[in-house]
């Protein structure tokens, strides 16, 4: 039926959206991890000495580390929230399909009585 097909199309679009958002979040988290790894590998002992001296470059490196951690944490929280939203949309679509089917069946029974 048309309403059931519409609900299926909505779910399919939602799944594609989830895939794109998850891919974007994953890419952002990977980029943050790469930056952190580069700082760790390339900067290693130098970054440690710079931080100990508390000069502006050390502050910048600390801020970058903090921002990387914050970005990864926020990305994970957003991914979780979006997954919950997607689940709610899917449940709502299924409930709508069920309501339409029930109403259609009830209509047929009432028409049969008339």
PDB file of N, CA and C in Angstrom:
ATOM      1  N   UNK A   1       0.834  -1.187   0.000  1.00  0.00           N
ATOM      2  CA  UNK A   1       0.000   0.000   0.000  1.00  0.00           C
ATOM      3  C   UNK A   1       0.873   1.243   0.000  1.00  0.00           C
ATOM      4  N   UNK A   2       0.302   2.355  -0.388  1.00  0.00           N
ATOM      5  CA  UNK A   2       1.055   3.609  -0.506  1.00  0.00           C
ATOM      6  C   UNK A   2       1.628   4.078   0.831  1.00  0.00           C
ATOM      7  N   UNK A   3       0.846   4.075   1.939  1.00  0.00           N
ATOM      8  CA  UNK A   3       1.441   4.531   3.208  1.00  0.00           C
ATOM      9  C   UNK A   3       2.596   3.649   3.657  1.00  0.00           C
ATOM     10  N   UNK A   4       2.477   2.344   3.443  1.00  0.00           N
ATOM     11  CA  UNK A   4       3.557   1.440   3.846  1.00  0.00           C
ATOM     12  C   UNK A   4       4.800   1.701   3.015  1.00  0.00           C
ATOM     13  N   UNK A   5       4.624   1.948   1.718  1.00  0.00           N
ATOM     14  CA  UNK A   5       5.773   2.246   0.860  1.00  0.00           C
ATOM     15  C   UNK A   5       6.402   3.567   1.268  1.00  0.00           C
ATOM     16  N   UNK A   6       5.580   4.543   1.627  1.00  0.00           N
ATOM     17  CA  UNK A   6       6.097   5.839   2.076  1.00  0.00           C
ATOM     18  C   UNK A   6       6.927   5.686   3.336  1.00  0.00           C
ATOM     19  N   UNK A   7       6.447   4.871   4.271  1.00  0.00           N
ATOM     20  CA  UNK A   7       7.191   4.651   5.517  1.00  0.00           C
ATOM     21  C   UNK A   7       8.507   3.938   5.224  1.00  0.00           C
ATOM     22  N   UNK A   8       8.483   3.000   4.279  1.00  0.00           N
ATOM     23  CA  UNK A   8       9.715   2.300   3.917  1.00  0.00           C
ATOM     24  C   UNK A   8      10.719   3.263   3.287  1.00  0.00           C
ATOM     25  N   UNK A   9      10.209   4.187   2.468  1.00  0.00           N
ATOM     26  CA  UNK A   9      11.096   5.170   1.846  1.00  0.00           C
ATOM     27  C   UNK A   9      11.700   6.083   2.902  1.00  0.00           C
ATOM     28  N   UNK A  10      10.907   6.469   3.904  1.00  0.00           N
ATOM     29  CA  UNK A  10      11.415   7.317   4.988  1.00  0.00           C
ATOM     30  C   UNK A  10      12.518   6.584   5.744  1.00  0.00           C
ATOM     31  N   UNK A  11      12.280   5.310   6.057  1.00  0.00           N
ATOM     32  CA  UNK A  11      13.311   4.526   6.769  1.00  0.00           C
ATOM     33  C   UNK A  11      14.572   4.395   5.935  1.00  0.00           C
ATOM     34  N   UNK A  12      14.416   4.178   4.636  1.00  0.00           N
ATOM     35  CA  UNK A  12      15.588   4.037   3.754  1.00  0.00           C
ATOM     36  C   UNK A  12      16.377   5.346   3.715  1.00  0.00           C
ATOM     37  N   UNK A  13      15.668   6.490   3.604  1.00  0.00           N
ATOM     38  CA  UNK A  13      16.353   7.782   3.607  1.00  0.00           C
ATOM     39  C   UNK A  13      17.046   8.015   4.940  1.00  0.00           C
ATOM     40  N   UNK A  14      16.392   7.636   6.028  1.00  0.00           N
ATOM     41  CA  UNK A  14      16.990   7.811   7.351  1.00  0.00           C
ATOM     42  C   UNK A  14      18.248   6.980   7.483  1.00  0.00           C
ATOM     43  N   UNK A  15      18.217   5.758   6.982  1.00  0.00           N
ATOM     44  CA  UNK A  15      19.403   4.904   7.060  1.00  0.00           C
ATOM     45  C   UNK A  15      20.560   5.498   6.264  1.00  0.00           C
ATOM     46  N   UNK A  16      20.243   6.063   5.078  1.00  0.00           N
ATOM     47  CA  UNK A  16      21.299   6.700   4.281  1.00  0.00           C
ATOM     48  C   UNK A  16      21.855   7.907   5.024  1.00  0.00           C
ATOM     49  N   UNK A  17      20.995   8.681   5.674  1.00  0.00           N
ATOM     50  CA  UNK A  17      21.448   9.841   6.437  1.00  0.00           C
ATOM     51  C   UNK A  17      22.332   9.417   7.590  1.00  0.00           C
ATOM     52  N   UNK A  18      21.940   8.366   8.290  1.00  0.00           N
ATOM     53  CA  UNK A  18      22.746   7.861   9.407  1.00  0.00           C
ATOM     54  C   UNK A  18      24.116   7.457   8.893  1.00  0.00           C
ATOM     55  N   UNK A  19      24.146   6.805   7.751  1.00  0.00           N
ATOM     56  CA  UNK A  19      25.416   6.361   7.182  1.00  0.00           C
ATOM     57  C   UNK A  19      26.313   7.551   6.866  1.00  0.00           C
ATOM     58  N   UNK A  20      25.730   8.605   6.260  1.00  0.00           N
ATOM     59  CA  UNK A  20      26.532   9.785   5.922  1.00  0.00           C
ATOM     60  C   UNK A  20      27.026  10.490   7.176  1.00  0.00           C
ATOM     61  N   UNK A  21      26.160  10.672   8.174  1.00  0.00           N
ATOM     62  CA  UNK A  21      26.560  11.361   9.405  1.00  0.00           C
ATOM     63  C   UNK A  21      27.610  10.549  10.147  1.00  0.00           C
ATOM     64  N   UNK A  22      27.400   9.249  10.246  1.00  0.00           N
ATOM     65  CA  UNK A  22      28.369   8.393  10.926  1.00  0.00           C
ATOM     66  C   UNK A  22      29.712   8.454  10.224  1.00  0.00           C
ATOM     67  N   UNK A  23      29.693   8.454   8.892  1.00  0.00           N
ATOM     68  CA  UNK A  23      30.930   8.548   8.122  1.00  0.00           C
ATOM     69  C   UNK A  23      31.629   9.872   8.393  1.00  0.00           C
ATOM     70  N   UNK A  24      30.878  10.965   8.443  1.00  0.00           N
ATOM     71  CA  UNK A  24      31.457  12.281   8.711  1.00  0.00           C
ATOM     72  C   UNK A  24      32.057  12.343  10.104  1.00  0.00           C
ATOM     73  N   UNK A  25      31.328  11.824  11.082  1.00  0.00           N
ATOM     74  CA  UNK A  25      31.815  11.841  12.462  1.00  0.00           C
ATOM     75  C   UNK A  25      33.063  10.974  12.579  1.00  0.00           C
ATOM     76  N   UNK A  26      33.029   9.815  11.938  1.00  0.00           N
ATOM     77  CA  UNK A  26      34.184   8.923  11.971  1.00  0.00           C
ATOM     78  C   UNK A  26      35.395   9.602  11.337  1.00  0.00           C
ATOM     79  N   UNK A  27      35.181  10.295  10.219  1.00  0.00           N
ATOM     80  CA  UNK A  27      36.288  10.992   9.563  1.00  0.00           C
ATOM     81  C   UNK A  27      36.860  12.071  10.462  1.00  0.00           C
ATOM     82  N   UNK A  28      35.991  12.818  11.138  1.00  0.00           N
ATOM     83  CA  UNK A  28      36.460  13.871  12.041  1.00  0.00           C
ATOM     84  C   UNK A  28      37.246  13.277  13.203  1.00  0.00           C
ATOM     85  N   UNK A  29      36.752  12.164  13.742  1.00  0.00           N
ATOM     86  CA  UNK A  29      37.458  11.532  14.860  1.00  0.00           C
ATOM     87  C   UNK A  29      38.804  10.985  14.393  1.00  0.00           C
ATOM     88  N   UNK A  30      38.863  10.427  13.183  1.00  0.00           N
ATOM     89  CA  UNK A  30      40.122   9.917  12.651  1.00  0.00           C
ATOM     90  C   UNK A  30      41.111  11.067  12.442  1.00  0.00           C
ATOM     91  N   UNK A  31      40.614  12.193  11.938  1.00  0.00           N
ATOM     92  CA  UNK A  31      41.494  13.342  11.723  1.00  0.00           C
ATOM     93  C   UNK A  31      42.066  13.822  13.047  1.00  0.00           C
ATOM     94  N   UNK A  32      41.240  13.868  14.073  1.00  0.00           N
ATOM     95  CA  UNK A  32      41.718  14.265  15.399  1.00  0.00           C
ATOM     96  C   UNK A  32      42.746  13.294  15.932  1.00  0.00           C
ATOM     97  N   UNK A  33      42.531  12.018  15.694  1.00  0.00           N
ATOM     98  CA  UNK A  33      43.475  11.003  16.151  1.00  0.00           C
ATOM     99  C   UNK A  33      44.794  11.120  15.397  1.00  0.00           C
ATOM    100  N   UNK A  34      44.719  11.434  14.107  1.00  0.00           N
ATOM    101  CA  UNK A  34      45.934  11.593  13.307  1.00  0.00           C
ATOM    102  C   UNK A  34      46.739  12.778  13.820  1.00  0.00           C
ATOM    103  N   UNK A  35      46.062  13.892  14.101  1.00  0.00           N
ATOM    104  CA  UNK A  35      46.751  15.064  14.635  1.00  0.00           C
ATOM    105  C   UNK A  35      47.415  14.715  15.957  1.00  0.00           C
ATOM    106  N   UNK A  36      46.686  14.046  16.824  1.00  0.00           N
ATOM    107  CA  UNK A  36      47.247  13.662  18.121  1.00  0.00           C
ATOM    108  C   UNK A  36      48.436  12.729  17.937  1.00  0.00           C
ATOM    109  N   UNK A  37      48.328  11.770  17.015  1.00  0.00           N
ATOM    110  CA  UNK A  37      49.429  10.832  16.768  1.00  0.00           C
ATOM    111  C   UNK A  37      50.646  11.557  16.210  1.00  0.00           C
ATOM    112  N   UNK A  38      50.418  12.480  15.285  1.00  0.00           N
ATOM    113  CA  UNK A  38      51.538  13.237  14.720  1.00  0.00           C
ATOM    114  C   UNK A  38      52.236  14.060  15.792  1.00  0.00           C
ATOM    115  N   UNK A  39      51.442  14.685  16.632  1.00  0.00           N
ATOM    116  CA  UNK A  39      52.040  15.453  17.720  1.00  0.00           C
ATOM    117  C   UNK A  39      52.814  14.534  18.653  1.00  0.00           C
ATOM    118  N   UNK A  40      52.268  13.362  18.914  1.00  0.00           N
ATOM    119  CA  UNK A  40      52.941  12.419  19.800  1.00  0.00           C
ATOM    120  C   UNK A  40      54.213  11.867  19.196  1.00  0.00           C
ATOM    121  N   UNK A  41      54.169  11.509  17.903  1.00  0.00           N
ATOM    122  CA  UNK A  41      55.329  10.907  17.250  1.00  0.00           C
ATOM    123  C   UNK A  41      56.381  11.962  16.925  1.00  0.00           C
ATOM    124  N   UNK A  42      55.950  13.026  16.268  1.00  0.00           N
ATOM    125  CA  UNK A  42      56.903  14.043  15.821  1.00  0.00           C
ATOM    126  C   UNK A  42      57.386  14.913  16.969  1.00  0.00           C
ATOM    127  N   UNK A  43      56.494  15.203  17.872  1.00  0.00           N
ATOM    128  CA  UNK A  43      56.838  16.143  18.917  1.00  0.00           C
ATOM    129  C   UNK A  43      57.418  15.492  20.148  1.00  0.00           C
ATOM    130  N   UNK A  44      57.112  14.251  20.412  1.00  0.00           N
ATOM    131  CA  UNK A  44      57.537  13.471  21.561  1.00  0.00           C
ATOM    132  C   UNK A  44      58.296  14.220  22.631  1.00  0.00           C
ATOM    133  N   UNK A  45      59.607  14.079  22.644  1.00  0.00           N
ATOM    134  CA  UNK A  45      60.460  14.681  23.671  1.00  0.00           C
ATOM    135  C   UNK A  45      60.476  16.186  23.551  1.00  0.00           C
ATOM    136  N   UNK A  46      60.444  16.704  22.326  1.00  0.00           N
ATOM    137  CA  UNK A  46      60.468  18.158  22.134  1.00  0.00           C
ATOM    138  C   UNK A  46      59.230  18.781  22.753  1.00  0.00           C
ATOM    139  N   UNK A  47      58.068  18.188  22.490  1.00  0.00           N
ATOM    140  CA  UNK A  47      56.832  18.721  23.051  1.00  0.00           C
ATOM    141  C   UNK A  47      56.867  18.687  24.572  1.00  0.00           C
ATOM    142  N   UNK A  48      57.444  17.643  25.121  1.00  0.00           N
ATOM    143  CA  UNK A  48      57.551  17.519  26.584  1.00  0.00           C
ATOM    144  C   UNK A  48      58.397  18.650  27.152  1.00  0.00           C
ATOM    145  N   UNK A  49      59.528  18.929  26.536  1.00  0.00           N
ATOM    146  CA  UNK A  49      60.418  20.008  26.995  1.00  0.00           C
ATOM    147  C   UNK A  49      59.738  21.360  26.851  1.00  0.00           C
ATOM    148  N   UNK A  50      59.032  21.547  25.756  1.00  0.00           N
ATOM    149  CA  UNK A  50      58.359  22.822  25.513  1.00  0.00           C
ATOM    150  C   UNK A  50      57.274  23.043  26.557  1.00  0.00           C
ATOM    151  N   UNK A  51      56.527  21.995  26.873  1.00  0.00           N
ATOM    152  CA  UNK A  51      55.479  22.117  27.883  1.00  0.00           C
ATOM    153  C   UNK A  51      56.066  22.433  29.254  1.00  0.00           C
ATOM    154  N   UNK A  52      57.200  21.804  29.560  1.00  0.00           N
ATOM    155  CA  UNK A  52      57.834  22.037  30.852  1.00  0.00           C
ATOM    156  C   UNK A  52      58.274  23.492  30.974  1.00  0.00           C
ATOM    157  N   UNK A  53      58.735  24.080  29.898  1.00  0.00           N
ATOM    158  CA  UNK A  53      59.218  25.452  29.929  1.00  0.00           C
ATOM    159  C   UNK A  53      58.061  26.450  30.020  1.00  0.00           C
ATOM    160  N   UNK A  54      56.857  26.003  29.769  1.00  0.00           N
ATOM    161  CA  UNK A  54      55.639  26.822  29.829  1.00  0.00           C
ATOM    162  C   UNK A  54      55.726  28.046  28.932  1.00  0.00           C
ATOM    163  N   UNK A  55      56.271  27.877  27.761  1.00  0.00           N
ATOM    164  CA  UNK A  55      56.279  28.986  26.809  1.00  0.00           C
ATOM    165  C   UNK A  55      55.016  28.924  25.953  1.00  0.00           C
ATOM    166  N   UNK A  56      54.781  29.884  25.131  1.00  0.00           N
ATOM    167  CA  UNK A  56      53.538  29.918  24.335  1.00  0.00           C
ATOM    168  C   UNK A  56      53.341  28.675  23.454  1.00  0.00           C
ATOM    169  N   UNK A  57      54.419  28.135  22.907  1.00  0.00           N
ATOM    170  CA  UNK A  57      54.284  26.949  22.062  1.00  0.00           C
ATOM    171  C   UNK A  57      53.795  25.757  22.880  1.00  0.00           C
ATOM    172  N   UNK A  58      54.290  25.645  24.107  1.00  0.00           N
ATOM    173  CA  UNK A  58      53.822  24.580  24.993  1.00  0.00           C
ATOM    174  C   UNK A  58      52.340  24.721  25.295  1.00  0.00           C
ATOM    175  N   UNK A  59      51.906  25.958  25.488  1.00  0.00           N
ATOM    176  CA  UNK A  59      50.483  26.219  25.731  1.00  0.00           C
ATOM    177  C   UNK A  59      49.657  25.824  24.518  1.00  0.00           C
ATOM    178  N   UNK A  60      50.151  26.163  23.341  1.00  0.00           N
ATOM    179  CA  UNK A  60      49.444  25.816  22.099  1.00  0.00           C
ATOM    180  C   UNK A  60      49.321  24.303  21.969  1.00  0.00           C
ATOM    181  N   UNK A  61      50.396  23.586  22.229  1.00  0.00           N
ATOM    182  CA  UNK A  61      50.345  22.127  22.123  1.00  0.00           C
ATOM    183  C   UNK A  61      49.371  21.536  23.135  1.00  0.00           C
ATOM    184  N   UNK A  62      49.343  22.075  24.333  1.00  0.00           N
ATOM    185  CA  UNK A  62      48.385  21.607  25.346  1.00  0.00           C
ATOM    186  C   UNK A  62      46.955  21.870  24.899  1.00  0.00           C
ATOM    187  N   UNK A  63      46.727  23.059  24.361  1.00  0.00           N
ATOM    188  CA  UNK A  63      45.382  23.400  23.887  1.00  0.00           C
ATOM    189  C   UNK A  63      44.954  22.491  22.738  1.00  0.00           C
ATOM    190  N   UNK A  64      45.884  22.164  21.851  1.00  0.00           N
ATOM    191  CA  UNK A  64      45.556  21.260  20.741  1.00  0.00           C
ATOM    192  C   UNK A  64      45.189  19.881  21.275  1.00  0.00           C
ATOM    193  N   UNK A  65      45.954  19.396  22.255  1.00  0.00           N
ATOM    194  CA  UNK A  65      45.635  18.094  22.859  1.00  0.00           C
ATOM    195  C   UNK A  65      44.259  18.112  23.507  1.00  0.00           C
ATOM    196  N   UNK A  66      43.954  19.177  24.229  1.00  0.00           N
ATOM    197  CA  UNK A  66      42.648  19.302  24.896  1.00  0.00           C
ATOM    198  C   UNK A  66      41.522  19.378  23.871  1.00  0.00           C
ATOM    199  N   UNK A  67      41.751  20.156  22.809  1.00  0.00           N
ATOM    200  CA  UNK A  67      40.731  20.297  21.771  1.00  0.00           C
ATOM    201  C   UNK A  67      40.491  18.977  21.048  1.00  0.00           C
ATOM    202  N   UNK A  68      41.559  18.232  20.807  1.00  0.00           N
ATOM    203  CA  UNK A  68      41.418  16.917  20.165  1.00  0.00           C
ATOM    204  C   UNK A  68      40.572  15.990  21.028  1.00  0.00           C
ATOM    205  N   UNK A  69      40.873  15.941  22.316  1.00  0.00           N
ATOM    206  CA  UNK A  69      40.103  15.083  23.224  1.00  0.00           C
ATOM    207  C   UNK A  69      38.643  15.530  23.288  1.00  0.00           C
ATOM    208  N   UNK A  70      38.431  16.838  23.362  1.00  0.00           N
ATOM    209  CA  UNK A  70      37.067  17.371  23.436  1.00  0.00           C
ATOM    210  C   UNK A  70      36.288  17.054  22.157  1.00  0.00           C
ATOM    211  N   UNK A  71      36.933  17.206  21.004  1.00  0.00           N
ATOM    212  CA  UNK A  71      36.273  16.944  19.720  1.00  0.00           C
ATOM    213  C   UNK A  71      35.877  15.479  19.597  1.00  0.00           C
ATOM    214  N   UNK A  72      36.760  14.599  19.998  1.00  0.00           N
ATOM    215  CA  UNK A  72      36.454  13.164  19.933  1.00  0.00           C
ATOM    216  C   UNK A  72      35.298  12.833  20.864  1.00  0.00           C
ATOM    217  N   UNK A  73      35.315  13.386  22.076  1.00  0.00           N
ATOM    218  CA  UNK A  73      34.243  13.125  23.037  1.00  0.00           C
ATOM    219  C   UNK A  73      32.899  13.648  22.520  1.00  0.00           C
ATOM    220  N   UNK A  74      32.898  14.855  21.972  1.00  0.00           N
ATOM    221  CA  UNK A  74      31.663  15.422  21.433  1.00  0.00           C
ATOM    222  C   UNK A  74      31.159  14.625  20.232  1.00  0.00           C
ATOM    223  N   UNK A  75      32.072  14.160  19.390  1.00  0.00           N
ATOM    224  CA  UNK A  75      31.676  13.354  18.227  1.00  0.00           C
ATOM    225  C   UNK A  75      31.012  12.061  18.648  1.00  0.00           C
ATOM    226  N   UNK A  76      31.552  11.427  19.672  1.00  0.00           N
ATOM    227  CA  UNK A  76      30.950  10.192  20.167  1.00  0.00           C
ATOM    228  C   UNK A  76      29.569  10.456  20.760  1.00  0.00           C
ATOM    229  N   UNK A  77      29.433  11.572  21.494  1.00  0.00           N
ATOM    230  CA  UNK A  77      28.133  11.916  22.079  1.00  0.00           C
ATOM    231  C   UNK A  77      27.105  12.203  20.982  1.00  0.00           C
ATOM    232  N   UNK A  78      27.518  12.918  19.938  1.00  0.00           N
ATOM    233  CA  UNK A  78      26.608  13.220  18.831  1.00  0.00           C
ATOM    234  C   UNK A  78      26.197  11.955  18.091  1.00  0.00           C
ATOM    235  N   UNK A  79      27.134  11.055  17.893  1.00  0.00           N
ATOM    236  CA  UNK A  79      26.812   9.795  17.209  1.00  0.00           C
ATOM    237  C   UNK A  79      25.795   9.000  18.018  1.00  0.00           C
ATOM    238  N   UNK A  80      25.958   8.983  19.343  1.00  0.00           N
ATOM    239  CA  UNK A  80      25.022   8.265  20.205  1.00  0.00           C
ATOM    240  C   UNK A  80      23.632   8.914  20.148  1.00  0.00           C
ATOM    241  N   UNK A  81      23.591  10.244  20.221  1.00  0.00           N
ATOM    242  CA  UNK A  81      22.306  10.953  20.168  1.00  0.00           C
ATOM    243  C   UNK A  81      21.613  10.718  18.830  1.00  0.00           C
ATOM    244  N   UNK A  82      22.366  10.735  17.744  1.00  0.00           N
ATOM    245  CA  UNK A  82      21.774  10.521  16.440  1.00  0.00           C
ATOM    246  C   UNK A  82      21.245   9.097  16.302  1.00  0.00           C
ATOM    247  N   UNK A  83      21.967   8.144  16.855  1.00  0.00           N
ATOM    248  CA  UNK A  83      21.503   6.749  16.809  1.00  0.00           C
ATOM    249  C   UNK A  83      20.185   6.602  17.562  1.00  0.00           C
ATOM    250  N   UNK A  84      20.067   7.282  18.702  1.00  0.00           N
ATOM    251  CA  UNK A  84      18.819   7.231  19.462  1.00  0.00           C
ATOM    252  C   UNK A  84      17.689   7.892  18.678  1.00  0.00           C
ATOM    253  N   UNK A  85      17.979   9.015  18.030  1.00  0.00           N
ATOM    254  CA  UNK A  85      16.975   9.703  17.223  1.00  0.00           C
ATOM    255  C   UNK A  85      16.530   8.816  16.060  1.00  0.00           C
ATOM    256  N   UNK A  86      17.483   8.174  15.409  1.00  0.00           N
ATOM    257  CA  UNK A  86      17.151   7.291  14.296  1.00  0.00           C
ATOM    258  C   UNK A  86      16.257   6.158  14.768  1.00  0.00           C
ATOM    259  N   UNK A  87      16.561   5.591  15.919  1.00  0.00           N
ATOM    260  CA  UNK A  87      15.751   4.503  16.473  1.00  0.00           C
ATOM    261  C   UNK A  87      14.327   4.987  16.739  1.00  0.00           C
ATOM    262  N   UNK A  88      14.202   6.198  17.286  1.00  0.00           N
ATOM    263  CA  UNK A  88      12.879   6.765  17.548  1.00  0.00           C
ATOM    264  C   UNK A  88      12.118   6.939  16.238  1.00  0.00           C
ATOM    265  N   UNK A  89      12.770   7.454  15.202  1.00  0.00           N
ATOM    266  CA  UNK A  89      12.119   7.644  13.897  1.00  0.00           C
ATOM    267  C   UNK A  89      11.654   6.301  13.329  1.00  0.00           C
ATOM    268  N   UNK A  90      12.492   5.302  13.450  1.00  0.00           N
ATOM    269  CA  UNK A  90      12.147   3.977  12.935  1.00  0.00           C
ATOM    270  C   UNK A  90      10.933   3.419  13.679  1.00  0.00           C
ATOM    271  N   UNK A  91      10.935   3.543  15.005  1.00  0.00           N
ATOM    272  CA  UNK A  91       9.801   3.055  15.804  1.00  0.00           C
ATOM    273  C   UNK A  91       8.522   3.805  15.453  1.00  0.00           C
ATOM    274  N   UNK A  92       8.631   5.120  15.275  1.00  0.00           N
ATOM    275  CA  UNK A  92       7.462   5.925  14.935  1.00  0.00           C
ATOM    276  C   UNK A  92       6.903   5.519  13.570  1.00  0.00           C
ATOM    277  N   UNK A  93       7.783   5.266  12.612  1.00  0.00           N
ATOM    278  CA  UNK A  93       7.337   4.841  11.284  1.00  0.00           C
ATOM    279  C   UNK A  93       6.626   3.490  11.356  1.00  0.00           C
ATOM    280  N   UNK A  94       7.180   2.575  12.139  1.00  0.00           N
ATOM    281  CA  UNK A  94       6.545   1.255  12.282  1.00  0.00           C
ATOM    282  C   UNK A  94       5.183   1.382  12.948  1.00  0.00           C
ATOM    283  N   UNK A  95       5.084   2.230  13.979  1.00  0.00           N
ATOM    284  CA  UNK A  95       3.806   2.440  14.653  1.00  0.00           C
ATOM    285  C   UNK A  95       2.793   3.053  13.697  1.00  0.00           C
ATOM    286  N   UNK A  96       3.244   3.972  12.846  1.00  0.00           N
ATOM    287  CA  UNK A  96       2.352   4.582  11.857  1.00  0.00           C
ATOM    288  C   UNK A  96       1.838   3.556  10.860  1.00  0.00           C
ATOM    289  N   UNK A  97       2.728   2.687  10.406  1.00  0.00           N
ATOM    290  CA  UNK A  97       2.319   1.623   9.483  1.00  0.00           C
ATOM    291  C   UNK A  97       1.262   0.727  10.127  1.00  0.00           C
ATOM    292  N   UNK A  98       1.506   0.377  11.384  1.00  0.00           N
ATOM    293  CA  UNK A  98       0.568  -0.495  12.099  1.00  0.00           C
ATOM    294  C   UNK A  98      -0.789   0.199  12.264  1.00  0.00           C
ATOM    295  N   UNK A  99      -0.778   1.484  12.589  1.00  0.00           N
ATOM    296  CA  UNK A  99      -2.032   2.216  12.764  1.00  0.00           C
ATOM    297  C   UNK A  99      -2.814   2.276  11.450  1.00  0.00           C
ATOM    298  N   UNK A 100      -2.127   2.505  10.345  1.00  0.00           N
ATOM    299  CA  UNK A 100      -2.793   2.562   9.037  1.00  0.00           C
ATOM    300  C   UNK A 100      -3.374   1.199   8.684  1.00  0.00           C
ATOM    301  N   UNK A 101      -2.614   0.140   8.913  1.00  0.00           N
ATOM    302  CA  UNK A 101      -3.091  -1.202   8.599  1.00  0.00           C
ATOM    303  C   UNK A 101      -4.316  -1.553   9.452  1.00  0.00           C
ATOM    304  N   UNK A 102      -4.254  -1.228  10.753  1.00  0.00           N
ATOM    305  CA  UNK A 102      -5.366  -1.509  11.649  1.00  0.00           C
ATOM    306  C   UNK A 102      -6.613  -0.745  11.221  1.00  0.00           C
ATOM    307  N   UNK A 103      -6.432   0.536  10.884  1.00  0.00           N
ATOM    308  CA  UNK A 103      -7.569   1.347  10.468  1.00  0.00           C
ATOM    309  C   UNK A 103      -8.155   0.838   9.154  1.00  0.00           C
ATOM    310  N   UNK A 104      -7.314   0.404   8.248  1.00  0.00           N
ATOM    311  CA  UNK A 104      -7.788  -0.130   6.964  1.00  0.00           C
ATOM    312  C   UNK A 104      -8.587  -1.409   7.182  1.00  0.00           C
ATOM    313  N   UNK A 105      -8.083  -2.286   8.053  1.00  0.00           N
ATOM    314  CA  UNK A 105      -8.810  -3.520   8.365  1.00  0.00           C
ATOM    315  C   UNK A 105     -10.154  -3.219   9.014  1.00  0.00           C
ATOM    316  N   UNK A 106     -10.139  -2.276   9.938  1.00  0.00           N
ATOM    317  CA  UNK A 106     -11.374  -1.917  10.635  1.00  0.00           C
ATOM    318  C   UNK A 106     -12.380  -1.311   9.649  1.00  0.00           C
ATOM    319  N   UNK A 107     -11.902  -0.501   8.726  1.00  0.00           N
ATOM    320  CA  UNK A 107     -12.766   0.105   7.717  1.00  0.00           C
ATOM    321  C   UNK A 107     -13.432  -0.981   6.876  1.00  0.00           C
ATOM    322  N   UNK A 108     -12.648  -1.983   6.477  1.00  0.00           N
ATOM    323  CA  UNK A 108     -13.194  -3.068   5.662  1.00  0.00           C
ATOM    324  C   UNK A 108     -14.275  -3.838   6.417  1.00  0.00           C
ATOM    325  N   UNK A 109     -14.045  -4.087   7.706  1.00  0.00           N
ATOM    326  CA  UNK A 109     -15.032  -4.786   8.513  1.00  0.00           C
ATOM    327  C   UNK A 109     -16.313  -3.963   8.658  1.00  0.00           C
ATOM    328  N   UNK A 110     -16.171  -2.674   8.889  1.00  0.00           N
ATOM    329  CA  UNK A 110     -17.352  -1.815   9.031  1.00  0.00           C
ATOM    330  C   UNK A 110     -18.124  -1.707   7.723  1.00  0.00           C
ATOM    331  N   UNK A 111     -17.395  -1.638   6.618  1.00  0.00           N
ATOM    332  CA  UNK A 111     -18.078  -1.578   5.316  1.00  0.00           C
ATOM    333  C   UNK A 111     -18.827  -2.869   5.048  1.00  0.00           C
ATOM    334  N   UNK A 112     -18.268  -3.990   5.499  1.00  0.00           N
ATOM    335  CA  UNK A 112     -18.921  -5.279   5.320  1.00  0.00           C
ATOM    336  C   UNK A 112     -20.225  -5.329   6.120  1.00  0.00           C
ATOM    337  N   UNK A 113     -20.251  -4.721   7.289  1.00  0.00           N
ATOM    338  CA  UNK A 113     -21.473  -4.696   8.104  1.00  0.00           C
ATOM    339  C   UNK A 113     -22.564  -3.867   7.454  1.00  0.00           C
ATOM    340  N   UNK A 114     -22.156  -2.815   6.777  1.00  0.00           N
ATOM    341  CA  UNK A 114     -23.149  -1.940   6.141  1.00  0.00           C
ATOM    342  C   UNK A 114     -23.706  -2.655   4.944  1.00  0.00           C
TER     343      UNK A 114
END
